[in-house]
C-alpha atoms as a PDB file:
ATOM      1  CA  UNK A   1       0.000   0.000   0.000  1.00  0.00           C
ATOM      2  CA  UNK A   2       2.841   2.344   0.858  1.00  0.00           C
ATOM      3  CA  UNK A   3       4.535   1.554  -2.468  1.00  0.00           C
ATOM      4  CA  UNK A   4       1.332   2.452  -4.342  1.00  0.00           C
ATOM      5  CA  UNK A   5       0.953   5.675  -2.370  1.00  0.00           C
ATOM      6  CA  UNK A   6       4.555   6.614  -3.126  1.00  0.00           C
ATOM      7  CA  UNK A   7       4.012   5.886  -6.825  1.00  0.00           C
ATOM      8  CA  UNK A   8       0.912   8.068  -6.993  1.00  0.00           C
ATOM      9  CA  UNK A   9       2.449  10.887  -4.966  1.00  0.00           C
ATOM     10  CA  UNK A  10       3.204  13.902  -7.134  1.00  0.00           C
ATOM     11  CA  UNK A  11       6.110  16.119  -6.131  1.00  0.00           C
ATOM     12  CA  UNK A  12       5.533  19.843  -5.865  1.00  0.00           C
ATOM     13  CA  UNK A  13       6.136  21.646  -9.177  1.00  0.00           C
ATOM     14  CA  UNK A  14       7.879  24.981  -8.722  1.00  0.00           C
ATOM     15  CA  UNK A  15       8.231  27.877 -11.158  1.00  0.00           C
ATOM     16  CA  UNK A  16      11.810  26.832 -11.899  1.00  0.00           C
ATOM     17  CA  UNK A  17      10.576  23.399 -13.004  1.00  0.00           C
ATOM     18  CA  UNK A  18       8.055  25.006 -15.352  1.00  0.00           C
ATOM     19  CA  UNK A  19      10.753  27.287 -16.737  1.00  0.00           C
ATOM     20  CA  UNK A  20      13.066  24.318 -17.232  1.00  0.00           C
ATOM     21  CA  UNK A  21      10.375  22.382 -19.123  1.00  0.00           C
ATOM     22  CA  UNK A  22       9.480  25.407 -21.244  1.00  0.00           C
ATOM     23  CA  UNK A  23      13.105  26.052 -22.271  1.00  0.00           C
ATOM     24  CA  UNK A  24      13.729  22.418 -23.174  1.00  0.00           C
ATOM     25  CA  UNK A  25      10.476  22.289 -25.158  1.00  0.00           C
ATOM     26  CA  UNK A  26      11.417  25.462 -27.015  1.00  0.00           C
ATOM     27  CA  UNK A  27      14.870  24.131 -27.893  1.00  0.00           C
ATOM     28  CA  UNK A  28      13.428  20.835 -29.134  1.00  0.00           C
ATOM     29  CA  UNK A  29      10.832  22.694 -31.205  1.00  0.00           C
ATOM     30  CA  UNK A  30      13.472  24.955 -32.795  1.00  0.00           C
ATOM     31  CA  UNK A  31      15.681  21.953 -33.485  1.00  0.00           C
ATOM     32  CA  UNK A  32      12.842  20.144 -35.248  1.00  0.00           C
ATOM     33  CA  UNK A  33      12.150  23.238 -37.351  1.00  0.00           C
ATOM     34  CA  UNK A  34      15.812  23.493 -38.354  1.00  0.00           C
ATOM     35  CA  UNK A  35      16.172  19.872 -39.459  1.00  0.00           C
ATOM     36  CA  UNK A  36      12.774  19.632 -41.154  1.00  0.00           C
ATOM     37  CA  UNK A  37      13.200  18.813 -44.824  1.00  0.00           C
ATOM     38  CA  UNK A  38      16.971  18.277 -44.565  1.00  0.00           C
ATOM     39  CA  UNK A  39      19.200  15.230 -44.549  1.00  0.00           C
ATOM     40  CA  UNK A  40      19.543  15.644 -40.787  1.00  0.00           C
ATOM     41  CA  UNK A  41      16.087  14.086 -40.380  1.00  0.00           C
ATOM     42  CA  UNK A  42      17.350  10.674 -41.461  1.00  0.00           C
ATOM     43  CA  UNK A  43      20.356  11.018 -39.166  1.00  0.00           C
ATOM     44  CA  UNK A  44      18.074  11.961 -36.265  1.00  0.00           C
ATOM     45  CA  UNK A  45      15.947   8.872 -36.887  1.00  0.00           C
ATOM     46  CA  UNK A  46      19.073   6.712 -36.997  1.00  0.00           C
ATOM     47  CA  UNK A  47      20.306   8.289 -33.778  1.00  0.00           C
ATOM     48  CA  UNK A  48      16.966   7.614 -32.090  1.00  0.00           C
ATOM     49  CA  UNK A  49      17.133   4.014 -33.242  1.00  0.00           C
ATOM     50  CA  UNK A  50      20.641   3.597 -31.769  1.00  0.00           C
ATOM     51  CA  UNK A  51      19.565   5.137 -28.461  1.00  0.00           C
ATOM     52  CA  UNK A  52      16.578   2.808 -28.293  1.00  0.00           C
ATOM     53  CA  UNK A  53      18.797  -0.137 -29.155  1.00  0.00           C
ATOM     54  CA  UNK A  54      21.213   0.856 -26.384  1.00  0.00           C
ATOM     55  CA  UNK A  55      18.514   0.779 -23.695  1.00  0.00           C
ATOM     56  CA  UNK A  56      17.022  -2.374 -25.152  1.00  0.00           C
ATOM     57  CA  UNK A  57      20.395  -4.135 -25.071  1.00  0.00           C
ATOM     58  CA  UNK A  58      20.890  -3.000 -21.485  1.00  0.00           C
ATOM     59  CA  UNK A  59      17.469  -4.331 -20.495  1.00  0.00           C
ATOM     60  CA  UNK A  60      17.955  -7.671 -22.311  1.00  0.00           C
ATOM     61  CA  UNK A  61      21.571  -7.854 -21.099  1.00  0.00           C
ATOM     62  CA  UNK A  62      23.012  -8.005 -24.603  1.00  0.00           C
ATOM     63  CA  UNK A  63      26.529  -7.187 -23.503  1.00  0.00           C
ATOM     64  CA  UNK A  64      28.184  -7.207 -26.939  1.00  0.00           C
ATOM     65  CA  UNK A  65      25.642  -4.880 -28.548  1.00  0.00           C
ATOM     66  CA  UNK A  66      25.722  -2.583 -25.531  1.00  0.00           C
ATOM     67  CA  UNK A  67      29.535  -2.470 -25.572  1.00  0.00           C
ATOM     68  CA  UNK A  68      29.667  -1.642 -29.302  1.00  0.00           C
ATOM     69  CA  UNK A  69      27.153   1.217 -29.034  1.00  0.00           C
ATOM     70  CA  UNK A  70      28.808   2.571 -25.884  1.00  0.00           C
ATOM     71  CA  UNK A  71      32.252   2.705 -27.502  1.00  0.00           C
ATOM     72  CA  UNK A  72      31.019   4.166 -30.778  1.00  0.00           C
ATOM     73  CA  UNK A  73      29.121   7.029 -29.130  1.00  0.00           C
ATOM     74  CA  UNK A  74      32.211   9.249 -28.808  1.00  0.00           C
ATOM     75  CA  UNK A  75      33.049   8.872 -32.513  1.00  0.00           C
ATOM     76  CA  UNK A  76      29.440   9.538 -33.531  1.00  0.00           C
ATOM     77  CA  UNK A  77      29.613  13.039 -32.008  1.00  0.00           C
ATOM     78  CA  UNK A  78      32.722  13.877 -34.047  1.00  0.00           C
ATOM     79  CA  UNK A  79      31.161  12.435 -37.214  1.00  0.00           C
ATOM     80  CA  UNK A  80      28.032  14.564 -36.736  1.00  0.00           C
ATOM     81  CA  UNK A  81      30.110  17.736 -36.380  1.00  0.00           C
ATOM     82  CA  UNK A  82      32.093  16.949 -39.543  1.00  0.00           C
ATOM     83  CA  UNK A  83      29.151  15.856 -41.696  1.00  0.00           C
ATOM     84  CA  UNK A  84      26.749  18.576 -40.600  1.00  0.00           C
ATOM     85  CA  UNK A  85      29.034  21.543 -40.066  1.00  0.00           C
ATOM     86  CA  UNK A  86      27.051  23.686 -42.528  1.00  0.00           C
ATOM     87  CA  UNK A  87      23.756  22.768 -40.847  1.00  0.00           C
ATOM     88  CA  UNK A  88      25.210  23.497 -37.412  1.00  0.00           C
ATOM     89  CA  UNK A  89      26.530  26.851 -38.625  1.00  0.00           C
ATOM     90  CA  UNK A  90      23.125  27.701 -40.070  1.00  0.00           C
ATOM     91  CA  UNK A  91      21.432  26.692 -36.809  1.00  0.00           C
ATOM     92  CA  UNK A  92      23.690  28.929 -34.726  1.00  0.00           C
ATOM     93  CA  UNK A  93      23.107  31.777 -37.152  1.00  0.00           C
ATOM     94  CA  UNK A  94      19.358  31.193 -36.833  1.00  0.00           C
ATOM     95  CA  UNK A  95      19.509  31.574 -33.064  1.00  0.00           C
ATOM     96  CA  UNK A  96      21.677  34.661 -33.474  1.00  0.00           C
ATOM     97  CA  UNK A  97      18.895  36.296 -35.504  1.00  0.00           C
ATOM     98  CA  UNK A  98      16.474  36.181 -32.578  1.00  0.00           C
ATOM     99  CA  UNK A  99      14.619  39.400 -31.799  1.00  0.00           C
ATOM    100  CA  UNK A 100      16.592  39.924 -28.576  1.00  0.00           C
ATOM    101  CA  UNK A 101      19.911  40.226 -30.447  1.00  0.00           C
ATOM    102  CA  UNK A 102      18.571  42.844 -32.847  1.00  0.00           C
ATOM    103  CA  UNK A 103      19.030  45.490 -30.185  1.00  0.00           C
ATOM    104  CA  UNK A 104      22.793  45.036 -30.614  1.00  0.00           C
ATOM    105  CA  UNK A 105      22.831  45.434 -34.384  1.00  0.00           C
ATOM    106  CA  UNK A 106      24.825  48.081 -36.158  1.00  0.00           C
ATOM    107  CA  UNK A 107      23.219  51.125 -37.688  1.00  0.00           C
ATOM    108  CA  UNK A 108      21.474  50.373 -40.940  1.00  0.00           C
ATOM    109  CA  UNK A 109      22.327  51.620 -44.400  1.00  0.00           C
ATOM    110  CA  UNK A 110      21.242  55.124 -45.323  1.00  0.00           C
ATOM    111  CA  UNK A 111      18.700  55.985 -47.977  1.00  0.00           C
ATOM    112  CA  UNK A 112      21.515  57.234 -50.190  1.00  0.00           C
ATOM    113  CA  UNK A 113      23.170  53.828 -50.062  1.00  0.00           C
ATOM    114  CA  UNK A 114      19.920  52.089 -50.962  1.00  0.00           C
ATOM    115  CA  UNK A 115      19.385  54.449 -53.868  1.00  0.00           C
ATOM    116  CA  UNK A 116      22.887  53.759 -55.174  1.00  0.00           C
ATOM    117  CA  UNK A 117      22.219  50.014 -55.009  1.00  0.00           C
ATOM    118  CA  UNK A 118      18.871  50.342 -56.767  1.00  0.00           C
ATOM    119  CA  UNK A 119      20.332  52.612 -59.455  1.00  0.00           C
ATOM    120  CA  UNK A 120      23.252  50.261 -60.031  1.00  0.00           C
ATOM    121  CA  UNK A 121      20.987  47.209 -60.249  1.00  0.00           C
ATOM    122  CA  UNK A 122      18.504  48.772 -62.663  1.00  0.00           C
ATOM    123  CA  UNK A 123      21.199  50.239 -64.908  1.00  0.00           C
ATOM    124  CA  UNK A 124      23.138  46.983 -65.060  1.00  0.00           C
ATOM    125  CA  UNK A 125      19.860  45.192 -65.748  1.00  0.00           C
ATOM    126  CA  UNK A 126      19.092  47.474 -68.704  1.00  0.00           C
ATOM    127  CA  UNK A 127      22.538  46.706 -70.138  1.00  0.00           C
ATOM    128  CA  UNK A 128      22.249  42.977 -69.287  1.00  0.00           C
ATOM    129  CA  UNK A 129      25.462  43.037 -67.289  1.00  0.00           C
ATOM    130  CA  UNK A 130      25.636  40.270 -64.720  1.00  0.00           C
ATOM    131  CA  UNK A 131      26.220  41.316 -61.117  1.00  0.00           C
ATOM    132  CA  UNK A 132      25.806  40.157 -57.537  1.00  0.00           C
ATOM    133  CA  UNK A 133      25.825  42.718 -54.733  1.00  0.00           C
ATOM    134  CA  UNK A 134      25.741  41.450 -51.151  1.00  0.00           C
ATOM    135  CA  UNK A 135      24.784  43.648 -48.209  1.00  0.00           C
ATOM    136  CA  UNK A 136      26.067  42.587 -44.808  1.00  0.00           C
ATOM    137  CA  UNK A 137      23.591  42.753 -41.940  1.00  0.00           C
ATOM    138  CA  UNK A 138      23.956  41.406 -38.400  1.00  0.00           C
ATOM    139  CA  UNK A 139      26.172  38.413 -39.190  1.00  0.00           C
ATOM    140  CA  UNK A 140      29.605  39.420 -40.446  1.00  0.00           C
ATOM    141  CA  UNK A 141      30.970  38.344 -43.832  1.00  0.00           C
ATOM    142  CA  UNK A 142      34.637  38.704 -42.981  1.00  0.00           C
ATOM    143  CA  UNK A 143      35.573  35.260 -44.305  1.00  0.00           C
ATOM    144  CA  UNK A 144      34.243  36.101 -47.766  1.00  0.00           C
ATOM    145  CA  UNK A 145      35.646  39.646 -47.714  1.00  0.00           C
ATOM    146  CA  UNK A 146      39.152  38.378 -46.987  1.00  0.00           C
ATOM    147  CA  UNK A 147      38.905  36.041 -49.979  1.00  0.00           C
ATOM    148  CA  UNK A 148      38.189  38.919 -52.386  1.00  0.00           C
ATOM    149  CA  UNK A 149      39.908  42.126 -53.432  1.00  0.00           C
ATOM    150  CA  UNK A 150      39.689  44.744 -50.631  1.00  0.00           C
ATOM    151  CA  UNK A 151      38.311  48.135 -51.686  1.00  0.00           C
ATOM    152  CA  UNK A 152      36.877  49.978 -48.654  1.00  0.00           C
ATOM    153  CA  UNK A 153      35.284  52.611 -50.883  1.00  0.00           C
ATOM    154  CA  UNK A 154      32.069  54.602 -50.625  1.00  0.00           C
ATOM    155  CA  UNK A 155      29.337  52.864 -52.563  1.00  0.00           C
ATOM    156  CA  UNK A 156      28.279  54.676 -55.738  1.00  0.00           C
ATOM    157  CA  UNK A 157      26.652  53.652 -58.974  1.00  0.00           C
ATOM    158  CA  UNK A 158      29.818  54.489 -60.927  1.00  0.00           C
ATOM    159  CA  UNK A 159      31.885  52.194 -58.721  1.00  0.00           C
ATOM    160  CA  UNK A 160      29.445  49.301 -59.115  1.00  0.00           C
ATOM    161  CA  UNK A 161      29.289  49.786 -62.885  1.00  0.00           C
ATOM    162  CA  UNK A 162      33.083  49.723 -63.027  1.00  0.00           C
ATOM    163  CA  UNK A 163      33.345  46.600 -60.867  1.00  0.00           C
ATOM    164  CA  UNK A 164      30.931  44.564 -62.985  1.00  0.00           C
ATOM    165  CA  UNK A 165      32.003  45.914 -66.350  1.00  0.00           C
ATOM    166  CA  UNK A 166      32.650  42.911 -68.638  1.00  0.00           C
ATOM    167  CA  UNK A 167      36.363  42.317 -68.979  1.00  0.00           C
ATOM    168  CA  UNK A 168      37.137  43.913 -65.615  1.00  0.00           C
ATOM    169  CA  UNK A 169      39.344  41.827 -63.286  1.00  0.00           C
ATOM    170  CA  UNK A 170      36.665  42.296 -60.598  1.00  0.00           C
ATOM    171  CA  UNK A 171      33.766  41.235 -62.810  1.00  0.00           C
ATOM    172  CA  UNK A 172      33.620  37.645 -61.567  1.00  0.00           C
ATOM    173  CA  UNK A 173      32.470  37.222 -58.006  1.00  0.00           C
ATOM    174  CA  UNK A 174      30.404  39.355 -55.662  1.00  0.00           C
ATOM    175  CA  UNK A 175      30.763  42.852 -54.272  1.00  0.00           C
ATOM    176  CA  UNK A 176      30.147  42.948 -50.509  1.00  0.00           C
ATOM    177  CA  UNK A 177      28.743  46.100 -48.930  1.00  0.00           C
ATOM    178  CA  UNK A 178      29.276  46.990 -45.272  1.00  0.00           C
ATOM    179  CA  UNK A 179      27.190  49.958 -44.197  1.00  0.00           C
ATOM    180  CA  UNK A 180      27.723  52.620 -46.871  1.00  0.00           C
ATOM    181  CA  UNK A 181      31.030  51.236 -48.154  1.00  0.00           C
ATOM    182  CA  UNK A 182      32.046  48.508 -50.574  1.00  0.00           C
ATOM    183  CA  UNK A 183      34.328  46.328 -48.475  1.00  0.00           C
ATOM    184  CA  UNK A 184      35.567  44.044 -51.243  1.00  0.00           C
ATOM    185  CA  UNK A 185      34.883  42.805 -54.764  1.00  0.00           C
ATOM    186  CA  UNK A 186      35.537  39.565 -56.648  1.00  0.00           C
ATOM    187  CA  UNK A 187      34.431  37.618 -53.570  1.00  0.00           C
ATOM    188  CA  UNK A 188      33.548  33.983 -54.106  1.00  0.00           C
ATOM    189  CA  UNK A 189      30.443  32.698 -52.334  1.00  0.00           C
ATOM    190  CA  UNK A 190      29.297  29.154 -51.493  1.00  0.00           C
ATOM    191  CA  UNK A 191      26.939  27.606 -54.034  1.00  0.00           C
ATOM    192  CA  UNK A 192      23.598  26.282 -52.843  1.00  0.00           C
ATOM    193  CA  UNK A 193      23.104  22.523 -52.932  1.00  0.00           C
ATOM    194  CA  UNK A 194      19.356  22.806 -52.409  1.00  0.00           C
ATOM    195  CA  UNK A 195      17.686  20.396 -54.890  1.00  0.00           C
ATOM    196  CA  UNK A 196      14.666  22.730 -55.069  1.00  0.00           C
ATOM    197  CA  UNK A 197      16.676  25.384 -56.877  1.00  0.00           C
ATOM    198  CA  UNK A 198      15.676  25.558 -60.529  1.00  0.00           C
ATOM    199  CA  UNK A 199      18.245  24.300 -63.030  1.00  0.00           C
ATOM    200  CA  UNK A 200      17.611  27.416 -65.093  1.00  0.00           C
ATOM    201  CA  UNK A 201      19.386  29.535 -62.490  1.00  0.00           C
ATOM    202  CA  UNK A 202      23.057  30.204 -63.057  1.00  0.00           C
ATOM    203  CA  UNK A 203      26.064  30.368 -60.792  1.00  0.00           C
ATOM    204  CA  UNK A 204      25.310  33.896 -59.538  1.00  0.00           C
ATOM    205  CA  UNK A 205      21.840  32.975 -58.351  1.00  0.00           C
ATOM    206  CA  UNK A 206      23.037  29.757 -56.725  1.00  0.00           C
ATOM    207  CA  UNK A 207      25.820  31.666 -54.969  1.00  0.00           C
ATOM    208  CA  UNK A 208      23.345  34.256 -53.668  1.00  0.00           C
ATOM    209  CA  UNK A 209      21.023  31.544 -52.383  1.00  0.00           C
ATOM    210  CA  UNK A 210      23.923  29.579 -50.886  1.00  0.00           C
ATOM    211  CA  UNK A 211      25.225  32.615 -48.982  1.00  0.00           C
ATOM    212  CA  UNK A 212      21.841  33.652 -47.607  1.00  0.00           C
ATOM    213  CA  UNK A 213      21.165  30.077 -46.500  1.00  0.00           C
ATOM    214  CA  UNK A 214      24.029  30.410 -44.021  1.00  0.00           C
ATOM    215  CA  UNK A 215      23.521  33.954 -42.711  1.00  0.00           C
ATOM    216  CA  UNK A 216      21.189  36.951 -42.774  1.00  0.00           C
ATOM    217  CA  UNK A 217      22.846  38.823 -45.650  1.00  0.00           C
ATOM    218  CA  UNK A 218      20.833  40.291 -48.529  1.00  0.00           C
ATOM    219  CA  UNK A 219      21.997  39.649 -52.107  1.00  0.00           C
ATOM    220  CA  UNK A 220      20.894  41.554 -55.206  1.00  0.00           C
ATOM    221  CA  UNK A 221      21.484  39.581 -58.398  1.00  0.00           C
ATOM    222  CA  UNK A 222      21.319  40.805 -61.994  1.00  0.00           C
ATOM    223  CA  UNK A 223      21.072  38.110 -64.651  1.00  0.00           C
ATOM    224  CA  UNK A 224      23.540  38.425 -67.493  1.00  0.00           C
ATOM    225  CA  UNK A 225      21.286  36.518 -69.917  1.00  0.00           C
ATOM    226  CA  UNK A 226      17.923  38.157 -69.226  1.00  0.00           C
ATOM    227  CA  UNK A 227      18.715  41.260 -67.156  1.00  0.00           C
ATOM    228  CA  UNK A 228      16.177  40.144 -64.532  1.00  0.00           C
ATOM    229  CA  UNK A 229      16.774  41.582 -61.048  1.00  0.00           C
ATOM    230  CA  UNK A 230      16.466  39.102 -58.186  1.00  0.00           C
ATOM    231  CA  UNK A 231      16.715  39.403 -54.414  1.00  0.00           C
ATOM    232  CA  UNK A 232      18.024  36.558 -52.250  1.00  0.00           C
ATOM    233  CA  UNK A 233      17.146  36.504 -48.564  1.00  0.00           C
ATOM    234  CA  UNK A 234      17.145  33.585 -46.086  1.00  0.00           C
ATOM    235  CA  UNK A 235      17.726  31.052 -48.853  1.00  0.00           C
ATOM    236  CA  UNK A 236      14.759  32.289 -50.904  1.00  0.00           C
ATOM    237  CA  UNK A 237      14.916  34.057 -54.248  1.00  0.00           C
ATOM    238  CA  UNK A 238      12.492  36.777 -55.307  1.00  0.00           C
ATOM    239  CA  UNK A 239      12.708  37.355 -59.056  1.00  0.00           C
ATOM    240  CA  UNK A 240      11.576  39.880 -61.661  1.00  0.00           C
ATOM    241  CA  UNK A 241      11.790  42.883 -59.362  1.00  0.00           C
ATOM    242  CA  UNK A 242      11.274  46.387 -60.666  1.00  0.00           C
ATOM    243  CA  UNK A 243      13.195  49.393 -59.362  1.00  0.00           C
ATOM    244  CA  UNK A 244      10.328  50.411 -57.081  1.00  0.00           C
ATOM    245  CA  UNK A 245       9.832  46.901 -55.749  1.00  0.00           C
ATOM    246  CA  UNK A 246      13.548  46.478 -55.122  1.00  0.00           C
ATOM    247  CA  UNK A 247      13.662  49.812 -53.309  1.00  0.00           C
ATOM    248  CA  UNK A 248      10.741  48.860 -51.070  1.00  0.00           C
ATOM    249  CA  UNK A 249      12.185  45.425 -50.258  1.00  0.00           C
ATOM    250  CA  UNK A 250      15.643  46.793 -49.473  1.00  0.00           C
ATOM    251  CA  UNK A 251      14.199  49.528 -47.279  1.00  0.00           C
ATOM    252  CA  UNK A 252      12.126  46.928 -45.394  1.00  0.00           C
ATOM    253  CA  UNK A 253      15.100  44.601 -44.955  1.00  0.00           C
ATOM    254  CA  UNK A 254      17.873  47.107 -44.289  1.00  0.00           C
ATOM    255  CA  UNK A 255      16.149  50.142 -42.845  1.00  0.00           C
ATOM    256  CA  UNK A 256      14.533  50.629 -39.437  1.00  0.00           C
ATOM    257  CA  UNK A 257      15.481  47.249 -38.032  1.00  0.00           C
ATOM    258  CA  UNK A 258      15.594  48.542 -34.485  1.00  0.00           C
ATOM    259  CA  UNK A 259      12.025  49.655 -34.618  1.00  0.00           C
ATOM    260  CA  UNK A 260      10.414  46.303 -35.127  1.00  0.00           C
ATOM    261  CA  UNK A 261      10.499  42.913 -36.632  1.00  0.00           C
ATOM    262  CA  UNK A 262      11.684  42.557 -40.202  1.00  0.00           C
ATOM    263  CA  UNK A 263       8.929  41.407 -42.466  1.00  0.00           C
ATOM    264  CA  UNK A 264      10.251  38.894 -44.956  1.00  0.00           C
ATOM    265  CA  UNK A 265       7.808  38.342 -47.799  1.00  0.00           C
ATOM    266  CA  UNK A 266       8.428  35.234 -49.852  1.00  0.00           C
ATOM    267  CA  UNK A 267       7.682  35.648 -53.493  1.00  0.00           C
ATOM    268  CA  UNK A 268       5.596  33.066 -55.342  1.00  0.00           C
ATOM    269  CA  UNK A 269       8.442  32.911 -57.825  1.00  0.00           C
ATOM    270  CA  UNK A 270      10.874  31.693 -55.148  1.00  0.00           C
ATOM    271  CA  UNK A 271      13.519  29.255 -56.365  1.00  0.00           C
ATOM    272  CA  UNK A 272      12.014  28.848 -59.807  1.00  0.00           C
END
């Protein structure tokens, strides 16, 4: 009788216990959102199977199976870090974009800078000159800047037209903008491996998508074949933007970030 009473007795739940449960639930929920639709789902299922097999072998006293799983666990952690380093980096960047951290962001680009970007994009589009212009936001792009040609020049339309002029040594690669200055040009970006990306998109578009998959940068892409202006943000691609639309989107993404949450509108033409 005492054993039954002890089993049915519920310990007192304090506010710290509720907070602990809420934080763990939130972390599990965010983790599930991050791995949804990625190859990490299969790895998570395999990991769950191995954990279940470990407890099952311990309960059935399968010493050999239990010993193998116990000794392989340390190597599994290292293998996960190596195989999923890009996913882990993207997850950490996702947490770094939480609303709380936006109070520590740098000052946003000025209207003059946005106008120079819009003017450069529309003019290059009219001439069908390929270009990719990346604007740094909260997450730094130092690794990509160091791999390009340093400029540290005030952003102007004339400078952008010169950088992407066909035959220019800086034509290939991306120009990265920090604040109101062009930090570097001819920067090489990681290509997206997302199978959903249309095969019609070229290297510039895949590079813009690949970069924005890993951080919160904004990339403006001008197609060399069609002159279409596209905007890459958070791994999505908004295509066929006009000058006015591009100006509105850039102002929403780069201006007034301290005042509220950034509204990211996904175009129906995303990734196609």
